[in-house]
Amino acid sequence: MTVKVMSFEPTPNPNAMKFNVSERLIEGGSRSFETPSAASDDVLASHLFALGKVTSVFYMPGFVTVTRTPDADWSSLAPMVARTIETVSLPVAQEAIAGDDPADGNETMRRIHRVLNEQILPALAGDGGGLEVVGLEGHTLTIRYQGACGSCPSSIAGTLNAIQNLLQAEVDEKLTVVAA
C-alpha cells in the first residue's frame, strides 16, 4: 500500500503533531504506544521511535500523531516523520472480531461506549488524540488519554470535565471520570 502524508498540523498539545494520510492505516480503532519497547511488534511505531526525539506514537485509520521530546524541533523532525510514514509498508490490520462487545453485556458500559464513539472520540481525533476505557468501578470510569491528549495540559482538566459532564447527561448523573 502506498501511503502519502497529505498534511500535518499542530494539535492543542505543543509537543504533538498530527499527520493526515491518504490511505487507511488500519481498518478501525487505534494503536497507541508510549515507549519503544511497547512498539516492538508494530512496524510503523517502531520506525517512528527509531527517529529519536519521539516519546509516543498514536494512530487511527486516517492519521498518525507523534509526540516529541520538549527539546526536539518540529522543523527538522516533522519531515522525517512524514518520510517514515510514507516509506514504511503497513498492512491493513483487522480490528475486533464481529460480535465482540467491549461492554461485556454491561448496559452502562454499552451506553458509555456509544457516547464515546459517537461524540467524544471524533472530537479527540480531530485534535490528534483519543482515549481508552480502563474500567468502570461503581460510578467511577477510568480512562487513559492517547496521542496528543496523553500529555496535553488541557486534557487533564477541561477535556476530562467535558467528558464527565457529557456522560453524566447522557448515561448516569452519578458518573465520575478520572484519568489513569
N, C-alpha and C. Protein backbone atom coordinates (compact mmCIF):
# COMPACT_ATOMS: atom_id res chain seq x y z
N MET A 1 0.85 -1.17 0.00
CA MET A 1 0.00 0.00 0.00
C MET A 1 0.89 1.24 0.00
N THR A 2 0.53 2.21 -0.79
CA THR A 2 1.26 3.47 -0.81
C THR A 2 0.50 4.49 0.04
N VAL A 3 1.16 4.94 1.06
CA VAL A 3 0.56 5.94 1.95
C VAL A 3 1.27 7.25 1.71
N LYS A 4 0.51 8.28 1.57
CA LYS A 4 1.05 9.63 1.36
C LYS A 4 0.59 10.50 2.53
N VAL A 5 1.50 11.27 3.09
CA VAL A 5 1.13 12.25 4.10
C VAL A 5 0.57 13.45 3.36
N MET A 6 -0.71 13.69 3.57
CA MET A 6 -1.39 14.77 2.85
C MET A 6 -1.15 16.14 3.50
N SER A 7 -1.03 16.12 4.82
CA SER A 7 -0.78 17.36 5.55
C SER A 7 -0.37 16.99 6.96
N PHE A 8 0.25 17.95 7.62
CA PHE A 8 0.46 17.78 9.06
C PHE A 8 0.10 19.09 9.73
N GLU A 9 -0.38 18.93 10.96
CA GLU A 9 -0.92 20.10 11.65
C GLU A 9 -0.63 20.03 13.13
N PRO A 10 -0.47 21.18 13.74
CA PRO A 10 -0.27 21.19 15.20
C PRO A 10 -1.54 20.74 15.90
N THR A 11 -1.38 20.32 17.13
CA THR A 11 -2.51 19.94 17.97
C THR A 11 -2.52 20.90 19.17
N PRO A 12 -3.53 20.83 20.01
CA PRO A 12 -3.51 21.67 21.21
C PRO A 12 -2.31 21.38 22.12
N ASN A 13 -1.72 20.20 21.97
CA ASN A 13 -0.51 19.84 22.72
C ASN A 13 0.69 20.33 21.91
N PRO A 14 1.47 21.27 22.40
CA PRO A 14 2.58 21.82 21.62
C PRO A 14 3.66 20.78 21.27
N ASN A 15 3.68 19.67 21.97
CA ASN A 15 4.68 18.64 21.69
C ASN A 15 4.16 17.54 20.77
N ALA A 16 2.94 17.67 20.27
CA ALA A 16 2.36 16.65 19.40
C ALA A 16 1.97 17.25 18.05
N MET A 17 2.19 16.45 16.99
CA MET A 17 1.83 16.86 15.64
C MET A 17 0.99 15.75 15.03
N LYS A 18 -0.06 16.14 14.31
CA LYS A 18 -0.97 15.20 13.64
C LYS A 18 -0.63 15.15 12.16
N PHE A 19 -0.37 13.93 11.64
CA PHE A 19 -0.03 13.71 10.24
C PHE A 19 -1.21 13.01 9.56
N ASN A 20 -1.90 13.72 8.67
CA ASN A 20 -3.05 13.17 7.96
C ASN A 20 -2.57 12.39 6.74
N VAL A 21 -3.12 11.19 6.55
CA VAL A 21 -2.64 10.31 5.47
C VAL A 21 -3.72 10.03 4.44
N SER A 22 -3.27 9.59 3.27
CA SER A 22 -4.15 9.37 2.14
C SER A 22 -4.86 8.02 2.16
N GLU A 23 -4.31 7.05 2.84
CA GLU A 23 -4.86 5.70 2.87
C GLU A 23 -5.13 5.28 4.30
N ARG A 24 -6.05 4.35 4.45
CA ARG A 24 -6.35 3.82 5.78
C ARG A 24 -5.16 3.01 6.28
N LEU A 25 -4.69 3.34 7.46
CA LEU A 25 -3.57 2.62 8.06
C LEU A 25 -4.03 1.34 8.74
N ILE A 26 -5.23 1.39 9.33
CA ILE A 26 -5.86 0.24 9.97
C ILE A 26 -7.34 0.32 9.66
N GLU A 27 -8.04 -0.77 9.80
CA GLU A 27 -9.47 -0.79 9.49
C GLU A 27 -10.28 0.11 10.42
N GLY A 28 -9.94 0.11 11.68
CA GLY A 28 -10.68 0.91 12.65
C GLY A 28 -9.94 0.90 13.97
N GLY A 29 -10.51 1.57 14.95
CA GLY A 29 -9.87 1.61 16.25
C GLY A 29 -8.63 2.47 16.23
N SER A 30 -7.71 2.15 17.13
CA SER A 30 -6.48 2.94 17.23
C SER A 30 -5.35 2.07 17.74
N ARG A 31 -4.16 2.60 17.59
CA ARG A 31 -2.95 1.97 18.14
C ARG A 31 -2.23 3.07 18.92
N SER A 32 -1.79 2.76 20.13
CA SER A 32 -1.14 3.75 20.97
C SER A 32 0.09 3.13 21.62
N PHE A 33 1.22 3.83 21.51
CA PHE A 33 2.50 3.34 22.03
C PHE A 33 3.20 4.46 22.79
N GLU A 34 3.51 4.18 24.05
CA GLU A 34 4.15 5.18 24.90
C GLU A 34 5.66 4.97 25.03
N THR A 35 6.15 3.81 24.59
CA THR A 35 7.58 3.52 24.69
C THR A 35 8.02 2.73 23.46
N PRO A 36 9.30 2.80 23.13
CA PRO A 36 9.81 1.99 22.02
C PRO A 36 9.60 0.49 22.25
N SER A 37 9.75 0.03 23.47
CA SER A 37 9.58 -1.41 23.72
C SER A 37 8.13 -1.83 23.50
N ALA A 38 7.18 -0.98 23.82
CA ALA A 38 5.78 -1.31 23.59
C ALA A 38 5.47 -1.39 22.10
N ALA A 39 6.28 -0.70 21.30
CA ALA A 39 6.05 -0.66 19.85
C ALA A 39 6.85 -1.70 19.09
N SER A 40 7.53 -2.59 19.78
CA SER A 40 8.44 -3.52 19.10
C SER A 40 7.75 -4.40 18.06
N ASP A 41 6.47 -4.69 18.22
CA ASP A 41 5.76 -5.53 17.26
C ASP A 41 4.98 -4.72 16.23
N ASP A 42 5.11 -3.42 16.24
CA ASP A 42 4.40 -2.56 15.30
C ASP A 42 5.42 -1.88 14.39
N VAL A 43 5.34 -2.18 13.11
CA VAL A 43 6.33 -1.68 12.15
C VAL A 43 6.38 -0.15 12.12
N LEU A 44 5.23 0.48 11.98
CA LEU A 44 5.20 1.93 11.87
C LEU A 44 5.72 2.59 13.14
N ALA A 45 5.17 2.22 14.27
CA ALA A 45 5.56 2.85 15.53
C ALA A 45 7.04 2.63 15.84
N SER A 46 7.55 1.42 15.60
CA SER A 46 8.96 1.16 15.91
C SER A 46 9.88 2.00 15.02
N HIS A 47 9.50 2.20 13.76
CA HIS A 47 10.31 3.06 12.89
C HIS A 47 10.26 4.52 13.32
N LEU A 48 9.11 4.96 13.80
CA LEU A 48 8.99 6.35 14.26
C LEU A 48 9.80 6.57 15.54
N PHE A 49 9.75 5.63 16.47
CA PHE A 49 10.57 5.76 17.68
C PHE A 49 12.06 5.75 17.32
N ALA A 50 12.44 5.01 16.29
CA ALA A 50 13.85 4.92 15.89
C ALA A 50 14.39 6.27 15.41
N LEU A 51 13.51 7.20 15.07
CA LEU A 51 13.97 8.53 14.65
C LEU A 51 14.61 9.29 15.81
N GLY A 52 14.31 8.89 17.03
CA GLY A 52 14.78 9.64 18.20
C GLY A 52 13.89 10.83 18.45
N LYS A 53 13.95 11.37 19.61
CA LYS A 53 13.17 12.55 19.99
C LYS A 53 11.66 12.30 19.94
N VAL A 54 11.21 11.04 19.81
CA VAL A 54 9.79 10.69 19.78
C VAL A 54 9.44 10.03 21.12
N THR A 55 8.40 10.55 21.79
CA THR A 55 8.02 9.99 23.09
C THR A 55 6.75 9.15 23.04
N SER A 56 5.93 9.33 22.01
CA SER A 56 4.76 8.47 21.84
C SER A 56 4.29 8.51 20.40
N VAL A 57 3.60 7.43 20.02
CA VAL A 57 3.03 7.30 18.68
C VAL A 57 1.60 6.81 18.86
N PHE A 58 0.68 7.47 18.17
CA PHE A 58 -0.73 7.11 18.22
C PHE A 58 -1.25 7.19 16.80
N TYR A 59 -1.98 6.15 16.37
CA TYR A 59 -2.59 6.29 15.06
C TYR A 59 -3.95 5.62 14.97
N MET A 60 -4.72 6.17 14.04
CA MET A 60 -6.05 5.71 13.72
C MET A 60 -6.08 5.50 12.20
N PRO A 61 -7.21 5.12 11.63
CA PRO A 61 -7.20 4.86 10.18
C PRO A 61 -6.67 6.00 9.32
N GLY A 62 -6.98 7.25 9.64
CA GLY A 62 -6.63 8.36 8.75
C GLY A 62 -5.53 9.29 9.20
N PHE A 63 -4.89 9.02 10.32
CA PHE A 63 -3.83 9.92 10.77
C PHE A 63 -2.90 9.22 11.75
N VAL A 64 -1.73 9.87 11.91
CA VAL A 64 -0.73 9.45 12.89
C VAL A 64 -0.41 10.68 13.73
N THR A 65 -0.40 10.53 15.05
CA THR A 65 0.03 11.61 15.93
C THR A 65 1.33 11.19 16.59
N VAL A 66 2.32 12.05 16.48
CA VAL A 66 3.63 11.80 17.08
C VAL A 66 3.87 12.88 18.13
N THR A 67 4.30 12.45 19.31
CA THR A 67 4.67 13.39 20.36
C THR A 67 6.19 13.39 20.48
N ARG A 68 6.74 14.57 20.53
CA ARG A 68 8.20 14.75 20.55
C ARG A 68 8.68 15.06 21.96
N THR A 69 9.98 14.96 22.14
CA THR A 69 10.57 15.44 23.38
C THR A 69 10.51 16.97 23.35
N PRO A 70 10.45 17.63 24.50
CA PRO A 70 10.33 19.09 24.51
C PRO A 70 11.49 19.81 23.81
N ASP A 71 12.67 19.19 23.75
CA ASP A 71 13.80 19.85 23.11
C ASP A 71 13.89 19.60 21.61
N ALA A 72 13.03 18.78 21.06
CA ALA A 72 13.05 18.50 19.61
C ALA A 72 12.43 19.67 18.85
N ASP A 73 12.86 19.83 17.62
CA ASP A 73 12.39 20.91 16.76
C ASP A 73 11.52 20.32 15.65
N TRP A 74 10.25 20.76 15.56
CA TRP A 74 9.36 20.23 14.54
C TRP A 74 9.87 20.50 13.13
N SER A 75 10.59 21.60 12.93
CA SER A 75 11.04 21.91 11.57
C SER A 75 11.96 20.83 11.00
N SER A 76 12.69 20.14 11.85
CA SER A 76 13.52 19.04 11.35
C SER A 76 12.86 17.67 11.57
N LEU A 77 12.11 17.52 12.65
CA LEU A 77 11.51 16.22 12.96
C LEU A 77 10.30 15.91 12.07
N ALA A 78 9.44 16.88 11.80
CA ALA A 78 8.22 16.62 11.02
C ALA A 78 8.51 16.04 9.64
N PRO A 79 9.46 16.57 8.87
CA PRO A 79 9.73 15.95 7.57
C PRO A 79 10.24 14.50 7.69
N MET A 80 11.01 14.21 8.74
CA MET A 80 11.49 12.84 8.94
C MET A 80 10.33 11.91 9.29
N VAL A 81 9.40 12.39 10.10
CA VAL A 81 8.23 11.60 10.45
C VAL A 81 7.40 11.33 9.19
N ALA A 82 7.16 12.36 8.39
CA ALA A 82 6.37 12.19 7.16
C ALA A 82 7.02 11.18 6.22
N ARG A 83 8.34 11.28 6.02
CA ARG A 83 9.04 10.31 5.15
C ARG A 83 8.92 8.89 5.70
N THR A 84 9.03 8.75 7.00
CA THR A 84 8.92 7.43 7.61
C THR A 84 7.53 6.85 7.40
N ILE A 85 6.50 7.64 7.61
CA ILE A 85 5.13 7.17 7.39
C ILE A 85 4.96 6.71 5.94
N GLU A 86 5.50 7.48 5.00
CA GLU A 86 5.33 7.17 3.59
C GLU A 86 6.15 5.97 3.12
N THR A 87 7.25 5.68 3.77
CA THR A 87 8.12 4.61 3.29
C THR A 87 7.93 3.27 4.00
N VAL A 88 7.26 3.28 5.15
CA VAL A 88 7.06 2.03 5.89
C VAL A 88 5.80 1.36 5.35
N SER A 89 5.94 0.12 4.93
CA SER A 89 4.81 -0.64 4.41
C SER A 89 3.90 -1.05 5.56
N LEU A 90 2.62 -0.74 5.44
CA LEU A 90 1.68 -1.04 6.51
C LEU A 90 0.56 -1.95 6.01
N PRO A 91 0.53 -3.17 6.45
CA PRO A 91 -0.65 -3.98 6.11
C PRO A 91 -1.85 -3.46 6.89
N VAL A 92 -3.00 -3.49 6.28
CA VAL A 92 -4.21 -3.05 6.98
C VAL A 92 -4.59 -4.14 7.95
N ALA A 93 -4.57 -3.81 9.23
CA ALA A 93 -4.88 -4.78 10.28
C ALA A 93 -6.38 -4.91 10.46
N GLN A 94 -6.81 -6.06 10.87
CA GLN A 94 -8.22 -6.29 11.17
C GLN A 94 -8.46 -5.95 12.62
N GLU A 95 -9.59 -5.35 12.88
CA GLU A 95 -9.95 -4.99 14.25
C GLU A 95 -10.68 -6.14 14.92
N ALA A 96 -11.36 -5.84 15.97
CA ALA A 96 -12.06 -6.84 16.77
C ALA A 96 -12.97 -7.70 15.90
N ILE A 97 -13.08 -8.96 16.25
CA ILE A 97 -13.94 -9.89 15.52
C ILE A 97 -15.38 -9.43 15.65
N ALA A 98 -16.12 -9.53 14.55
CA ALA A 98 -17.51 -9.11 14.58
C ALA A 98 -18.23 -9.79 15.73
N GLY A 99 -18.99 -8.99 16.46
CA GLY A 99 -19.73 -9.54 17.58
C GLY A 99 -19.03 -9.28 18.91
N ASP A 100 -17.75 -8.93 18.90
CA ASP A 100 -17.08 -8.61 20.15
C ASP A 100 -17.76 -7.39 20.77
N ASP A 101 -17.94 -7.42 22.06
CA ASP A 101 -18.62 -6.34 22.77
C ASP A 101 -17.72 -5.83 23.88
N PRO A 102 -17.17 -4.61 23.73
CA PRO A 102 -16.30 -4.08 24.77
C PRO A 102 -17.02 -3.89 26.10
N ALA A 103 -18.33 -3.88 26.09
CA ALA A 103 -19.10 -3.68 27.32
C ALA A 103 -19.37 -4.99 28.05
N ASP A 104 -19.10 -6.13 27.42
CA ASP A 104 -19.32 -7.44 28.04
C ASP A 104 -20.70 -7.56 28.67
N GLY A 105 -21.73 -7.08 27.99
CA GLY A 105 -23.09 -7.24 28.49
C GLY A 105 -23.52 -6.22 29.52
N ASN A 106 -22.65 -5.32 29.95
CA ASN A 106 -22.98 -4.31 30.94
C ASN A 106 -23.66 -3.14 30.23
N GLU A 107 -24.92 -2.90 30.56
CA GLU A 107 -25.68 -1.85 29.87
C GLU A 107 -25.07 -0.46 30.07
N THR A 108 -24.59 -0.15 31.26
CA THR A 108 -23.96 1.15 31.50
C THR A 108 -22.73 1.31 30.60
N MET A 109 -21.89 0.28 30.53
CA MET A 109 -20.69 0.37 29.67
C MET A 109 -21.08 0.47 28.20
N ARG A 110 -22.13 -0.21 27.80
CA ARG A 110 -22.59 -0.13 26.41
C ARG A 110 -22.99 1.32 26.10
N ARG A 111 -23.70 1.95 27.02
CA ARG A 111 -24.11 3.34 26.81
C ARG A 111 -22.91 4.28 26.82
N ILE A 112 -21.96 4.03 27.72
CA ILE A 112 -20.73 4.84 27.77
C ILE A 112 -19.99 4.74 26.43
N HIS A 113 -19.81 3.52 25.93
CA HIS A 113 -19.10 3.33 24.66
C HIS A 113 -19.83 4.00 23.50
N ARG A 114 -21.16 3.98 23.53
CA ARG A 114 -21.92 4.65 22.47
C ARG A 114 -21.63 6.15 22.47
N VAL A 115 -21.69 6.77 23.64
CA VAL A 115 -21.41 8.21 23.74
C VAL A 115 -19.97 8.50 23.34
N LEU A 116 -19.04 7.69 23.82
CA LEU A 116 -17.63 7.89 23.45
C LEU A 116 -17.46 7.80 21.95
N ASN A 117 -17.98 6.75 21.33
CA ASN A 117 -17.79 6.53 19.90
C ASN A 117 -18.48 7.57 19.03
N GLU A 118 -19.63 8.04 19.46
CA GLU A 118 -20.40 8.98 18.63
C GLU A 118 -20.03 10.44 18.86
N GLN A 119 -19.62 10.81 20.08
CA GLN A 119 -19.45 12.22 20.38
C GLN A 119 -18.06 12.62 20.84
N ILE A 120 -17.43 11.78 21.64
CA ILE A 120 -16.16 12.17 22.25
C ILE A 120 -14.96 11.81 21.39
N LEU A 121 -14.88 10.56 20.95
CA LEU A 121 -13.72 10.13 20.18
C LEU A 121 -13.53 10.91 18.87
N PRO A 122 -14.60 11.22 18.12
CA PRO A 122 -14.39 12.04 16.93
C PRO A 122 -13.79 13.42 17.24
N ALA A 123 -14.22 14.02 18.35
CA ALA A 123 -13.67 15.33 18.73
C ALA A 123 -12.21 15.20 19.12
N LEU A 124 -11.86 14.19 19.89
CA LEU A 124 -10.46 14.00 20.28
C LEU A 124 -9.61 13.69 19.06
N ALA A 125 -10.12 12.87 18.14
CA ALA A 125 -9.37 12.53 16.92
C ALA A 125 -9.10 13.78 16.08
N GLY A 126 -10.03 14.72 16.09
CA GLY A 126 -9.82 15.96 15.36
C GLY A 126 -8.60 16.72 15.83
N ASP A 127 -8.23 16.50 17.09
CA ASP A 127 -7.04 17.13 17.66
C ASP A 127 -5.86 16.16 17.74
N GLY A 128 -5.97 15.01 17.07
CA GLY A 128 -4.85 14.07 17.05
C GLY A 128 -4.76 13.16 18.25
N GLY A 129 -5.87 12.97 18.96
CA GLY A 129 -5.83 12.14 20.15
C GLY A 129 -6.96 11.16 20.24
N GLY A 130 -7.02 10.52 21.36
CA GLY A 130 -8.06 9.54 21.63
C GLY A 130 -8.03 9.17 23.09
N LEU A 131 -8.79 8.14 23.43
CA LEU A 131 -8.76 7.62 24.79
C LEU A 131 -9.18 6.17 24.78
N GLU A 132 -8.78 5.48 25.81
CA GLU A 132 -9.26 4.11 26.01
C GLU A 132 -9.90 4.04 27.38
N VAL A 133 -10.90 3.19 27.48
CA VAL A 133 -11.56 2.96 28.76
C VAL A 133 -10.75 1.91 29.50
N VAL A 134 -10.28 2.27 30.67
CA VAL A 134 -9.52 1.33 31.51
C VAL A 134 -10.48 0.46 32.29
N GLY A 135 -11.56 1.07 32.80
CA GLY A 135 -12.53 0.29 33.53
C GLY A 135 -13.58 1.14 34.21
N LEU A 136 -14.60 0.47 34.68
CA LEU A 136 -15.68 1.12 35.42
C LEU A 136 -15.82 0.38 36.74
N GLU A 137 -15.63 1.12 37.81
CA GLU A 137 -15.78 0.54 39.15
C GLU A 137 -16.79 1.38 39.90
N GLY A 138 -17.94 0.79 40.17
CA GLY A 138 -19.02 1.56 40.77
C GLY A 138 -19.48 2.63 39.81
N HIS A 139 -19.36 3.89 40.23
CA HIS A 139 -19.72 5.01 39.35
C HIS A 139 -18.48 5.78 38.88
N THR A 140 -17.31 5.16 38.99
CA THR A 140 -16.08 5.81 38.57
C THR A 140 -15.55 5.16 37.30
N LEU A 141 -15.50 5.94 36.23
CA LEU A 141 -14.97 5.49 34.95
C LEU A 141 -13.52 5.97 34.84
N THR A 142 -12.61 5.04 34.64
CA THR A 142 -11.21 5.39 34.47
C THR A 142 -10.87 5.31 33.00
N ILE A 143 -10.26 6.39 32.49
CA ILE A 143 -9.86 6.45 31.09
C ILE A 143 -8.36 6.73 31.00
N ARG A 144 -7.78 6.42 29.87
CA ARG A 144 -6.38 6.75 29.60
C ARG A 144 -6.35 7.51 28.28
N TYR A 145 -5.83 8.72 28.34
CA TYR A 145 -5.69 9.52 27.12
C TYR A 145 -4.61 8.94 26.23
N GLN A 146 -4.78 9.13 24.91
CA GLN A 146 -3.83 8.63 23.93
C GLN A 146 -3.49 9.75 22.95
N GLY A 147 -2.37 9.57 22.26
CA GLY A 147 -1.97 10.53 21.24
C GLY A 147 -1.70 11.90 21.83
N ALA A 148 -2.13 12.93 21.11
CA ALA A 148 -1.87 14.30 21.54
C ALA A 148 -2.49 14.59 22.90
N CYS A 149 -3.55 13.88 23.24
CA CYS A 149 -4.22 14.11 24.53
C CYS A 149 -3.41 13.57 25.70
N GLY A 150 -2.52 12.62 25.44
CA GLY A 150 -1.81 11.94 26.51
C GLY A 150 -0.98 12.83 27.40
N SER A 151 -0.38 13.86 26.85
CA SER A 151 0.46 14.73 27.65
C SER A 151 0.06 16.20 27.52
N CYS A 152 -1.18 16.41 27.11
CA CYS A 152 -1.67 17.78 26.91
C CYS A 152 -2.28 18.32 28.20
N PRO A 153 -1.84 19.48 28.65
CA PRO A 153 -2.38 20.05 29.89
C PRO A 153 -3.90 20.25 29.86
N SER A 154 -4.47 20.60 28.70
CA SER A 154 -5.92 20.85 28.67
C SER A 154 -6.73 19.57 28.82
N SER A 155 -6.14 18.41 28.50
CA SER A 155 -6.90 17.16 28.65
C SER A 155 -7.05 16.79 30.11
N ILE A 156 -6.13 17.21 30.95
CA ILE A 156 -6.17 16.84 32.35
C ILE A 156 -7.35 17.51 33.06
N ALA A 157 -7.68 18.71 32.70
CA ALA A 157 -8.75 19.41 33.40
C ALA A 157 -9.97 19.61 32.51
N GLY A 158 -9.86 20.49 31.53
CA GLY A 158 -11.01 20.88 30.72
C GLY A 158 -11.66 19.74 29.98
N THR A 159 -10.89 18.96 29.26
CA THR A 159 -11.46 17.87 28.48
C THR A 159 -12.05 16.80 29.39
N LEU A 160 -11.37 16.50 30.48
CA LEU A 160 -11.86 15.49 31.41
C LEU A 160 -13.21 15.92 31.99
N ASN A 161 -13.35 17.19 32.35
CA ASN A 161 -14.62 17.71 32.86
C ASN A 161 -15.71 17.65 31.79
N ALA A 162 -15.35 17.99 30.56
CA ALA A 162 -16.34 17.95 29.48
C ALA A 162 -16.83 16.52 29.24
N ILE A 163 -15.92 15.56 29.26
CA ILE A 163 -16.30 14.15 29.09
C ILE A 163 -17.22 13.72 30.22
N GLN A 164 -16.85 14.07 31.43
CA GLN A 164 -17.67 13.70 32.59
C GLN A 164 -19.06 14.32 32.48
N ASN A 165 -19.13 15.60 32.14
CA ASN A 165 -20.43 16.28 32.03
C ASN A 165 -21.31 15.62 30.97
N LEU A 166 -20.74 15.29 29.83
CA LEU A 166 -21.50 14.66 28.76
C LEU A 166 -21.99 13.28 29.18
N LEU A 167 -21.11 12.48 29.79
CA LEU A 167 -21.52 11.15 30.23
C LEU A 167 -22.56 11.22 31.35
N GLN A 168 -22.46 12.22 32.22
CA GLN A 168 -23.46 12.38 33.26
C GLN A 168 -24.82 12.73 32.64
N ALA A 169 -24.81 13.57 31.62
CA ALA A 169 -26.06 13.97 30.96
C ALA A 169 -26.66 12.83 30.13
N GLU A 170 -25.81 12.04 29.49
CA GLU A 170 -26.29 11.03 28.55
C GLU A 170 -26.43 9.63 29.15
N VAL A 171 -25.67 9.32 30.20
CA VAL A 171 -25.63 7.95 30.71
C VAL A 171 -26.11 7.85 32.16
N ASP A 172 -25.42 8.54 33.08
CA ASP A 172 -25.73 8.41 34.51
C ASP A 172 -25.18 9.64 35.23
N GLU A 173 -26.06 10.36 35.88
CA GLU A 173 -25.64 11.60 36.56
C GLU A 173 -24.65 11.37 37.69
N LYS A 174 -24.49 10.13 38.14
CA LYS A 174 -23.57 9.82 39.24
C LYS A 174 -22.16 9.49 38.75
N LEU A 175 -21.97 9.41 37.45
CA LEU A 175 -20.65 9.03 36.92
C LEU A 175 -19.59 10.06 37.24
N THR A 176 -18.42 9.58 37.61
CA THR A 176 -17.22 10.39 37.79
C THR A 176 -16.19 9.83 36.82
N VAL A 177 -15.49 10.70 36.13
CA VAL A 177 -14.48 10.26 35.17
C VAL A 177 -13.12 10.70 35.68
N VAL A 178 -12.18 9.75 35.74
CA VAL A 178 -10.83 10.04 36.18
C VAL A 178 -9.85 9.53 35.13
N ALA A 179 -8.71 10.19 35.05
CA ALA A 179 -7.65 9.76 34.13
C ALA A 179 -6.69 8.83 34.84
N ALA A 180 -6.30 7.78 34.14
CA ALA A 180 -5.34 6.81 34.71
C ALA A 180 -3.96 7.40 34.72
